[in-house]
Amino acid sequence: MRIALMGIRGIPARYGGFETFAEELAPRLASRGHDVTVYGRSNNVPRRRNGTLYKGVRLVVLPTVPLKYFDTVAHTYLSALHAVFRNRYDVVLMMNAANAPFAWLPRLRGTRVVLNVDGIERLRRKWNRLGQMYYGMGERLARWVPDAIVSDARVIQEYFLRVHRASSVFIAYGAEAGRVESSRVLDTLGLRPRDYLLYVTRFEPENNPDRVIEAFARVRTDKRLVIVGDAPYSSAYKARLAVLAARDARVLLPGFIYGEGYRELQSHAYCYVQATEVGGTHPALLEAMGAGNCVIANGTPENIEVLGGCGLIYRKNDTDDMTRQLTRALEDPALVSELGRRAMERVRLEYSWDEVTRKYEALFKRLVDA
């Protein structure tokens, strides 16, 4: 099949979960004999990569409007037009419910369109009322415009069925199970293996990195807290995090870290914090589990679903209870080790990338054959 992925910033992955998803899924589809294209944004992927191959995947780099409210939709609109007039695909996989209004364009050429709706994006506090209304419209259109929609968590699947009477195919996000032994990035950051707690996230209010810093400040420990991430449109919020971190010498904010350095940080952490309150299956959570980390997670239905009893849960958005769970983990290394072992095994059995790829390939084939 000729398959295209769009609605993301592009690959190589240099931003978030959808980009990592594309970098894992697209090459695996290509290795199975499919002709795969990934659309990228010119502010994330250099223009010189346009038309080149990356891990067996063709890259198409198109311009965008690099503003918070237009970046995603402007680029997806151009990508959909490109798919109509420049290429003929069998299947287009779009990411993000915000892109539902453009799913009809590739269908003009008989292309099947699958939309991965992600989480309930309209609940994110970064969006004003207009942005929330737009995402609400995208959710409603997801029922009608694409040929099929995909949910990466049962909670999201149930939400779309209950609220929008829209059936979706459940295909989870994936992760690799296993650790890396190298520790070069730890040396660069002045860290020692098993001597720090880790959280990887975009710096946005609903991801609660500020609450993690506040909870950690109340914990008596010589271990450090490392929060990996950044955000392109949240300067005021990032400034607040910098002020909080400056009050505690144990807190480190190194910015975005990708590739081998990211895997090293996941592999050598003492435990992992997952403080998100919005979204479906969070990639960093699965990757932490795959690296054998004990996870201390915000008690949202999505996080509870993914952990499956293989971690510690604190009451939703309760900073005091987060502090109690952090203290519990720091005082009980045997519990941390056992929960980490169980988390890695859960990823190996339930969230392998090869199984995710097989399910997407089967969905695409059903739609094309139909």
Foldseek 3Di string as FASTA:
>chain_A
DEEEEALDQEPPDDAFDVNVLCVLQQLVVVVVPYAYEYEHECVRDPPVQQQPDDSNHHYHYDYWDPDPQTGRQRRLLVVLVCCQPPHQGQEYEYEALLNLVSLQSNCVNVHAYEYAHWWQVLPFPVDDPVSSVSSVVSLLSNQPRGPAYEYQAVVRQVVSCVPNVHHHHHFHAAEAAEADDDQVLCVVVVHDFQQAEEEEDEQGVQQPPVLVLVLVVPADDPGAYEYEAYYDPPVVSVVVVVVSQVVDVRYHYPYHDDDPNVRNCLQRYNAYEGQHAIIAAGPVLLHSLSSLWAYEYAPHPRVCRLLVPLHHYFYHPDSNSSSVRVNVSVVDSPSGNRSSVVSSVCSVVPHHSVVSNVVVVVVSVVVSVD
